[in-house]
Amino acid sequence: MDGVTVWFLTCVVSLLAVLNPVGAVPLLLAMTVNDPPLRRRRSALMAASTQTACLAVAAVGGSTLFSFFNISIDSFRIAGGALLFLLAIDMVKVNQQRHKATDAEVQEGVARAEVGIIPLGIPMLAGPGAIATVISLAGQVSELSLAMVVLLMAVVSVGGVTAVVLLTATRIERWLTPTVLGIASRLMGLLLAAIAAQMLVTGVQNSFGLRPPH
């Protein structure tokens, strides 16, 4: 595979690992339990659109934000890697991820007229972990480059995957037994832990001028 394809797949896999749209299916169904099918589909599309817009803005505007606060991308990689590692531990242990969705947020979502933007789109899908991941990926490329365009294409593609998953939530729910959810959570958590470790290693190496072993 060429470099562009590898970069695209790297971005897609990294984002899917941290977003875990299948894990959002029970939340969507719980928050729209009293909604008709048409409104539930609207909420699903709104959530996917919000996720895509938030991550695209983070990818494009992350460097500007860092410059404003005088934060280096490698410092953010270290912080983001640590955050993702904590998230990965929760996923491997199949714990409720309270930094993504609290009980209060779920109950608030049930009472809201439109849950697609808040709290489902933000922060349950496009939460701190996803934003940290996309900013870290954007930090590896220049703003006006083919790699940045590919990253944005990956963000849009992942948004499309999220939309499809949420739109078919009622069908997917039939297969989401505790065993299936547990296996999926552990596998995604393991992958996310590897991504987090790489972010930490890269951030530390660049911050201290260390050369990776050959």
C-alpha atoms as a PDB file:
ATOM      1  CA  MET A   1       0.000   0.000   0.000  1.00  0.00           C
ATOM      2  CA  ASP A   2       1.153   3.554  -0.672  1.00  0.00           C
ATOM      3  CA  GLY A   3       1.774   6.120   2.049  1.00  0.00           C
ATOM      4  CA  VAL A   4      -1.542   7.928   1.581  1.00  0.00           C
ATOM      5  CA  THR A   5      -3.554   4.727   2.028  1.00  0.00           C
ATOM      6  CA  VAL A   6      -1.554   3.738   5.103  1.00  0.00           C
ATOM      7  CA  TRP A   7      -2.073   7.192   6.632  1.00  0.00           C
ATOM      8  CA  PHE A   8      -5.815   7.081   5.907  1.00  0.00           C
ATOM      9  CA  LEU A   9      -6.186   3.638   7.498  1.00  0.00           C
ATOM     10  CA  THR A  10      -4.097   4.725  10.487  1.00  0.00           C
ATOM     11  CA  CYS A  11      -6.393   7.705  11.073  1.00  0.00           C
ATOM     12  CA  VAL A  12      -9.589   5.671  10.612  1.00  0.00           C
ATOM     13  CA  VAL A  13      -8.510   2.839  12.914  1.00  0.00           C
ATOM     14  CA  SER A  14      -7.258   5.245  15.580  1.00  0.00           C
ATOM     15  CA  LEU A  15     -10.508   7.238  15.583  1.00  0.00           C
ATOM     16  CA  LEU A  16     -12.758   4.186  15.519  1.00  0.00           C
ATOM     17  CA  ALA A  17     -10.870   2.672  18.445  1.00  0.00           C
ATOM     18  CA  VAL A  18     -11.452   5.677  20.673  1.00  0.00           C
ATOM     19  CA  LEU A  19     -14.941   6.607  19.423  1.00  0.00           C
ATOM     20  CA  ASN A  20     -16.363   3.065  19.548  1.00  0.00           C
ATOM     21  CA  PRO A  21     -19.703   3.964  17.857  1.00  0.00           C
ATOM     22  CA  VAL A  22     -21.170   0.522  18.649  1.00  0.00           C
ATOM     23  CA  GLY A  23     -20.802   1.360  22.323  1.00  0.00           C
ATOM     24  CA  ALA A  24     -23.001   4.427  21.774  1.00  0.00           C
ATOM     25  CA  VAL A  25     -25.936   2.313  20.545  1.00  0.00           C
ATOM     26  CA  PRO A  26     -27.338   1.516  24.019  1.00  0.00           C
ATOM     27  CA  LEU A  27     -27.013   5.192  24.969  1.00  0.00           C
ATOM     28  CA  LEU A  28     -28.905   6.332  21.881  1.00  0.00           C
ATOM     29  CA  LEU A  29     -31.682   3.817  22.508  1.00  0.00           C
ATOM     30  CA  ALA A  30     -31.927   4.789  26.178  1.00  0.00           C
ATOM     31  CA  MET A  31     -32.107   8.496  25.387  1.00  0.00           C
ATOM     32  CA  THR A  32     -34.682   8.097  22.616  1.00  0.00           C
ATOM     33  CA  VAL A  33     -36.794   5.424  24.293  1.00  0.00           C
ATOM     34  CA  ASN A  34     -39.930   7.584  24.004  1.00  0.00           C
ATOM     35  CA  ASP A  35     -39.183   8.967  20.537  1.00  0.00           C
ATOM     36  CA  PRO A  36     -40.787   7.792  17.272  1.00  0.00           C
ATOM     37  CA  PRO A  37     -38.473   6.120  14.720  1.00  0.00           C
ATOM     38  CA  LEU A  38     -38.199   9.282  12.581  1.00  0.00           C
ATOM     39  CA  ARG A  39     -37.015  11.378  15.504  1.00  0.00           C
ATOM     40  CA  ARG A  40     -34.570   8.680  16.582  1.00  0.00           C
ATOM     41  CA  ARG A  41     -33.056   8.640  13.089  1.00  0.00           C
ATOM     42  CA  ARG A  42     -32.779  12.427  13.210  1.00  0.00           C
ATOM     43  CA  SER A  43     -30.951  12.202  16.542  1.00  0.00           C
ATOM     44  CA  ALA A  44     -28.603   9.572  15.105  1.00  0.00           C
ATOM     45  CA  LEU A  45     -27.734  11.772  12.109  1.00  0.00           C
ATOM     46  CA  MET A  46     -27.344  14.824  14.335  1.00  0.00           C
ATOM     47  CA  ALA A  47     -24.963  12.940  16.626  1.00  0.00           C
ATOM     48  CA  ALA A  48     -22.809  11.740  13.730  1.00  0.00           C
ATOM     49  CA  SER A  49     -22.760  15.223  12.191  1.00  0.00           C
ATOM     50  CA  THR A  50     -21.819  16.827  15.502  1.00  0.00           C
ATOM     51  CA  GLN A  51     -19.030  14.304  15.986  1.00  0.00           C
ATOM     52  CA  THR A  52     -17.675  14.973  12.498  1.00  0.00           C
ATOM     53  CA  ALA A  53     -17.830  18.760  12.817  1.00  0.00           C
ATOM     54  CA  CYS A  54     -16.179  18.778  16.248  1.00  0.00           C
ATOM     55  CA  LEU A  55     -13.299  16.529  15.201  1.00  0.00           C
ATOM     56  CA  ALA A  56     -12.774  18.422  11.928  1.00  0.00           C
ATOM     57  CA  VAL A  57     -12.510  21.703  13.824  1.00  0.00           C
ATOM     58  CA  ALA A  58     -10.077  20.093  16.267  1.00  0.00           C
ATOM     59  CA  ALA A  59      -7.941  18.814  13.390  1.00  0.00           C
ATOM     60  CA  VAL A  60      -7.787  22.175  11.636  1.00  0.00           C
ATOM     61  CA  GLY A  61      -7.678  24.487  14.651  1.00  0.00           C
ATOM     62  CA  GLY A  62      -5.626  22.437  17.084  1.00  0.00           C
ATOM     63  CA  SER A  63      -2.289  24.021  16.193  1.00  0.00           C
ATOM     64  CA  THR A  64      -3.730  27.525  16.543  1.00  0.00           C
ATOM     65  CA  LEU A  65      -5.007  26.670  20.002  1.00  0.00           C
ATOM     66  CA  PHE A  66      -1.603  25.300  20.991  1.00  0.00           C
ATOM     67  CA  SER A  67       0.118  28.477  19.782  1.00  0.00           C
ATOM     68  CA  PHE A  68      -2.277  30.645  21.766  1.00  0.00           C
ATOM     69  CA  PHE A  69      -1.560  28.771  25.007  1.00  0.00           C
ATOM     70  CA  ASN A  70       2.111  28.143  24.143  1.00  0.00           C
ATOM     71  CA  ILE A  71       1.682  24.366  24.322  1.00  0.00           C
ATOM     72  CA  SER A  72       3.837  22.045  22.232  1.00  0.00           C
ATOM     73  CA  ILE A  73       2.259  19.202  20.274  1.00  0.00           C
ATOM     74  CA  ASP A  74       4.512  16.736  22.084  1.00  0.00           C
ATOM     75  CA  SER A  75       3.255  17.910  25.477  1.00  0.00           C
ATOM     76  CA  PHE A  76      -0.246  17.319  24.180  1.00  0.00           C
ATOM     77  CA  ARG A  77       0.759  13.867  22.911  1.00  0.00           C
ATOM     78  CA  ILE A  78       1.951  12.940  26.402  1.00  0.00           C
ATOM     79  CA  ALA A  79      -1.217  14.257  28.050  1.00  0.00           C
ATOM     80  CA  GLY A  80      -3.470  12.741  25.376  1.00  0.00           C
ATOM     81  CA  GLY A  81      -1.678   9.406  25.537  1.00  0.00           C
ATOM     82  CA  ALA A  82      -2.136   9.266  29.306  1.00  0.00           C
ATOM     83  CA  LEU A  83      -5.830  10.109  28.942  1.00  0.00           C
ATOM     84  CA  LEU A  84      -6.344   7.477  26.256  1.00  0.00           C
ATOM     85  CA  PHE A  85      -4.503   4.888  28.337  1.00  0.00           C
ATOM     86  CA  LEU A  86      -6.920   5.446  31.234  1.00  0.00           C
ATOM     87  CA  LEU A  87      -9.803   5.074  28.793  1.00  0.00           C
ATOM     88  CA  ALA A  88      -8.262   1.863  27.421  1.00  0.00           C
ATOM     89  CA  ILE A  89      -7.980   0.403  30.924  1.00  0.00           C
ATOM     90  CA  ASP A  90     -11.684   1.032  31.509  1.00  0.00           C
ATOM     91  CA  MET A  91     -12.509  -0.627  28.184  1.00  0.00           C
ATOM     92  CA  VAL A  92     -10.371  -3.693  28.890  1.00  0.00           C
ATOM     93  CA  LYS A  93     -11.907  -4.024  32.357  1.00  0.00           C
ATOM     94  CA  VAL A  94     -15.374  -3.375  30.836  1.00  0.00           C
ATOM     95  CA  ASN A  95     -16.017  -0.582  33.310  1.00  0.00           C
ATOM     96  CA  GLN A  96     -18.548   2.146  32.725  1.00  0.00           C
ATOM     97  CA  GLN A  97     -16.611   5.027  31.204  1.00  0.00           C
ATOM     98  CA  ARG A  98     -17.778   7.860  33.418  1.00  0.00           C
ATOM     99  CA  HIS A  99     -15.551  10.404  31.710  1.00  0.00           C
ATOM    100  CA  LYS A 100     -17.595   9.792  28.545  1.00  0.00           C
ATOM    101  CA  ALA A 101     -21.118   9.540  29.942  1.00  0.00           C
ATOM    102  CA  THR A 102     -22.356   9.794  33.506  1.00  0.00           C
ATOM    103  CA  ASP A 103     -25.692   8.509  34.761  1.00  0.00           C
ATOM    104  CA  ALA A 104     -26.824  12.117  35.134  1.00  0.00           C
ATOM    105  CA  GLU A 105     -25.965  12.864  31.503  1.00  0.00           C
ATOM    106  CA  VAL A 106     -27.932   9.838  30.302  1.00  0.00           C
ATOM    107  CA  GLN A 107     -30.969  10.874  32.339  1.00  0.00           C
ATOM    108  CA  GLU A 108     -30.640  14.430  31.079  1.00  0.00           C
ATOM    109  CA  GLY A 109     -30.507  13.098  27.529  1.00  0.00           C
ATOM    110  CA  VAL A 110     -33.789  11.254  28.005  1.00  0.00           C
ATOM    111  CA  ALA A 111     -35.438  14.498  29.067  1.00  0.00           C
ATOM    112  CA  ARG A 112     -33.981  16.598  26.249  1.00  0.00           C
ATOM    113  CA  ALA A 113     -35.972  17.391  23.122  1.00  0.00           C
ATOM    114  CA  GLU A 114     -32.886  16.810  20.934  1.00  0.00           C
ATOM    115  CA  VAL A 115     -30.058  14.607  22.209  1.00  0.00           C
ATOM    116  CA  GLY A 116     -28.035  14.378  18.991  1.00  0.00           C
ATOM    117  CA  ILE A 117     -25.835  17.397  19.659  1.00  0.00           C
ATOM    118  CA  ILE A 118     -25.542  17.305  23.453  1.00  0.00           C
ATOM    119  CA  PRO A 119     -24.901  14.966  25.187  1.00  0.00           C
ATOM    120  CA  LEU A 120     -24.650  12.228  22.530  1.00  0.00           C
ATOM    121  CA  GLY A 121     -22.591  14.061  19.893  1.00  0.00           C
ATOM    122  CA  ILE A 122     -20.555  15.929  22.507  1.00  0.00           C
ATOM    123  CA  PRO A 123     -19.142  14.640  24.831  1.00  0.00           C
ATOM    124  CA  MET A 124     -20.233  10.992  24.510  1.00  0.00           C
ATOM    125  CA  LEU A 125     -18.874  10.527  20.985  1.00  0.00           C
ATOM    126  CA  ALA A 126     -16.556  13.473  20.369  1.00  0.00           C
ATOM    127  CA  GLY A 127     -15.180  13.458  23.884  1.00  0.00           C
ATOM    128  CA  PRO A 128     -11.740  14.341  25.266  1.00  0.00           C
ATOM    129  CA  GLY A 129     -10.191  11.088  24.063  1.00  0.00           C
ATOM    130  CA  ALA A 130     -11.365  11.515  20.463  1.00  0.00           C
ATOM    131  CA  ILE A 131     -10.356  15.177  20.386  1.00  0.00           C
ATOM    132  CA  ALA A 132      -6.928  14.341  21.817  1.00  0.00           C
ATOM    133  CA  THR A 133      -6.469  11.636  19.177  1.00  0.00           C
ATOM    134  CA  VAL A 134      -7.383  13.810  16.203  1.00  0.00           C
ATOM    135  CA  ILE A 135      -5.237  16.725  17.401  1.00  0.00           C
ATOM    136  CA  SER A 136      -2.315  14.375  17.888  1.00  0.00           C
ATOM    137  CA  LEU A 137      -2.770  13.025  14.361  1.00  0.00           C
ATOM    138  CA  ALA A 138      -3.018  16.558  12.977  1.00  0.00           C
ATOM    139  CA  GLY A 139       0.206  17.444  14.775  1.00  0.00           C
ATOM    140  CA  GLN A 140       2.077  14.956  12.612  1.00  0.00           C
ATOM    141  CA  VAL A 141       1.315  16.844   9.391  1.00  0.00           C
ATOM    142  CA  SER A 142       1.331  20.426   8.140  1.00  0.00           C
ATOM    143  CA  GLU A 143      -1.926  22.362   7.874  1.00  0.00           C
ATOM    144  CA  LEU A 144      -1.896  22.800   4.088  1.00  0.00           C
ATOM    145  CA  SER A 145      -0.885  19.335   2.942  1.00  0.00           C
ATOM    146  CA  LEU A 146      -2.324  16.227   1.346  1.00  0.00           C
ATOM    147  CA  ALA A 147      -1.949  14.412   4.671  1.00  0.00           C
ATOM    148  CA  MET A 148      -4.256  16.950   6.357  1.00  0.00           C
ATOM    149  CA  VAL A 149      -6.838  16.466   3.594  1.00  0.00           C
ATOM    150  CA  VAL A 150      -6.594  12.700   4.101  1.00  0.00           C
ATOM    151  CA  LEU A 151      -7.055  13.158   7.863  1.00  0.00           C
ATOM    152  CA  LEU A 152     -10.208  15.202   7.244  1.00  0.00           C
ATOM    153  CA  MET A 153     -11.434  12.516   4.840  1.00  0.00           C
ATOM    154  CA  ALA A 154     -10.864   9.957   7.594  1.00  0.00           C
ATOM    155  CA  VAL A 155     -12.855  12.102  10.039  1.00  0.00           C
ATOM    156  CA  VAL A 156     -15.734  12.285   7.561  1.00  0.00           C
ATOM    157  CA  SER A 157     -15.523   8.547   6.836  1.00  0.00           C
ATOM    158  CA  VAL A 158     -15.633   7.695  10.533  1.00  0.00           C
ATOM    159  CA  GLY A 159     -18.602  10.041  10.857  1.00  0.00           C
ATOM    160  CA  GLY A 160     -20.299   8.032   8.120  1.00  0.00           C
ATOM    161  CA  VAL A 161     -19.590   4.799   9.968  1.00  0.00           C
ATOM    162  CA  THR A 162     -21.062   6.293  13.139  1.00  0.00           C
ATOM    163  CA  ALA A 163     -24.170   7.393  11.254  1.00  0.00           C
ATOM    164  CA  VAL A 164     -24.710   3.915   9.795  1.00  0.00           C
ATOM    165  CA  VAL A 165     -24.210   2.262  13.195  1.00  0.00           C
ATOM    166  CA  LEU A 166     -26.611   4.613  14.982  1.00  0.00           C
ATOM    167  CA  LEU A 167     -29.214   4.472  12.217  1.00  0.00           C
ATOM    168  CA  THR A 168     -29.289   0.694  12.546  1.00  0.00           C
ATOM    169  CA  ALA A 169     -29.229   0.809  16.353  1.00  0.00           C
ATOM    170  CA  THR A 170     -32.437  -1.186  16.822  1.00  0.00           C
ATOM    171  CA  ARG A 171     -31.093  -4.012  14.642  1.00  0.00           C
ATOM    172  CA  ILE A 172     -27.640  -3.975  16.209  1.00  0.00           C
ATOM    173  CA  GLU A 173     -29.152  -4.097  19.696  1.00  0.00           C
ATOM    174  CA  ARG A 174     -30.321  -7.675  19.078  1.00  0.00           C
ATOM    175  CA  TRP A 175     -26.701  -8.797  18.782  1.00  0.00           C
ATOM    176  CA  LEU A 176     -25.326  -6.719  21.652  1.00  0.00           C
ATOM    177  CA  THR A 177     -25.375  -9.369  24.357  1.00  0.00           C
ATOM    178  CA  PRO A 178     -23.190  -8.737  27.416  1.00  0.00           C
ATOM    179  CA  THR A 179     -20.696 -11.284  26.075  1.00  0.00           C
ATOM    180  CA  VAL A 180     -20.441  -9.596  22.666  1.00  0.00           C
ATOM    181  CA  LEU A 181     -20.107  -6.160  24.236  1.00  0.00           C
ATOM    182  CA  GLY A 182     -17.448  -7.453  26.615  1.00  0.00           C
ATOM    183  CA  ILE A 183     -15.354  -9.032  23.854  1.00  0.00           C
ATOM    184  CA  ALA A 184     -15.649  -5.938  21.629  1.00  0.00           C
ATOM    185  CA  SER A 185     -14.788  -3.609  24.505  1.00  0.00           C
ATOM    186  CA  ARG A 186     -11.673  -5.585  25.450  1.00  0.00           C
ATOM    187  CA  LEU A 187     -10.414  -5.790  21.860  1.00  0.00           C
ATOM    188  CA  MET A 188     -10.959  -2.074  21.226  1.00  0.00           C
ATOM    189  CA  GLY A 189      -9.401  -1.282  24.602  1.00  0.00           C
ATOM    190  CA  LEU A 190      -6.284  -3.285  23.769  1.00  0.00           C
ATOM    191  CA  LEU A 191      -5.935  -1.495  20.439  1.00  0.00           C
ATOM    192  CA  LEU A 192      -6.494   1.863  22.107  1.00  0.00           C
ATOM    193  CA  ALA A 193      -3.842   1.070  24.732  1.00  0.00           C
ATOM    194  CA  ALA A 194      -1.308   0.446  21.953  1.00  0.00           C
ATOM    195  CA  ILE A 195      -2.222   3.760  20.292  1.00  0.00           C
ATOM    196  CA  ALA A 196      -1.919   5.557  23.638  1.00  0.00           C
ATOM    197  CA  ALA A 197       1.481   3.985  24.299  1.00  0.00           C
ATOM    198  CA  GLN A 198       2.738   5.109  20.890  1.00  0.00           C
ATOM    199  CA  MET A 199       1.524   8.665  21.555  1.00  0.00           C
ATOM    200  CA  LEU A 200       3.346   8.691  24.900  1.00  0.00           C
ATOM    201  CA  VAL A 201       6.556   7.258  23.442  1.00  0.00           C
ATOM    202  CA  THR A 202       6.570   9.727  20.538  1.00  0.00           C
ATOM    203  CA  GLY A 203       5.873  12.668  22.831  1.00  0.00           C
ATOM    204  CA  VAL A 204       8.642  11.719  25.273  1.00  0.00           C
ATOM    205  CA  GLN A 205      11.161  11.021  22.497  1.00  0.00           C
ATOM    206  CA  ASN A 206      10.533  14.347  20.787  1.00  0.00           C
ATOM    207  CA  SER A 207      10.410  16.325  24.048  1.00  0.00           C
ATOM    208  CA  PHE A 208      13.771  14.998  25.261  1.00  0.00           C
ATOM    209  CA  GLY A 209      15.437  14.681  21.869  1.00  0.00           C
ATOM    210  CA  LEU A 210      15.691  10.927  22.059  1.00  0.00           C
ATOM    211  CA  ARG A 211      16.234   8.831  18.957  1.00  0.00           C
ATOM    212  CA  PRO A 212      14.073   5.715  18.485  1.00  0.00           C
ATOM    213  CA  PRO A 213      16.102   2.474  18.390  1.00  0.00           C
ATOM    214  CA  HIS A 214      16.903   1.080  14.961  1.00  0.00           C
END
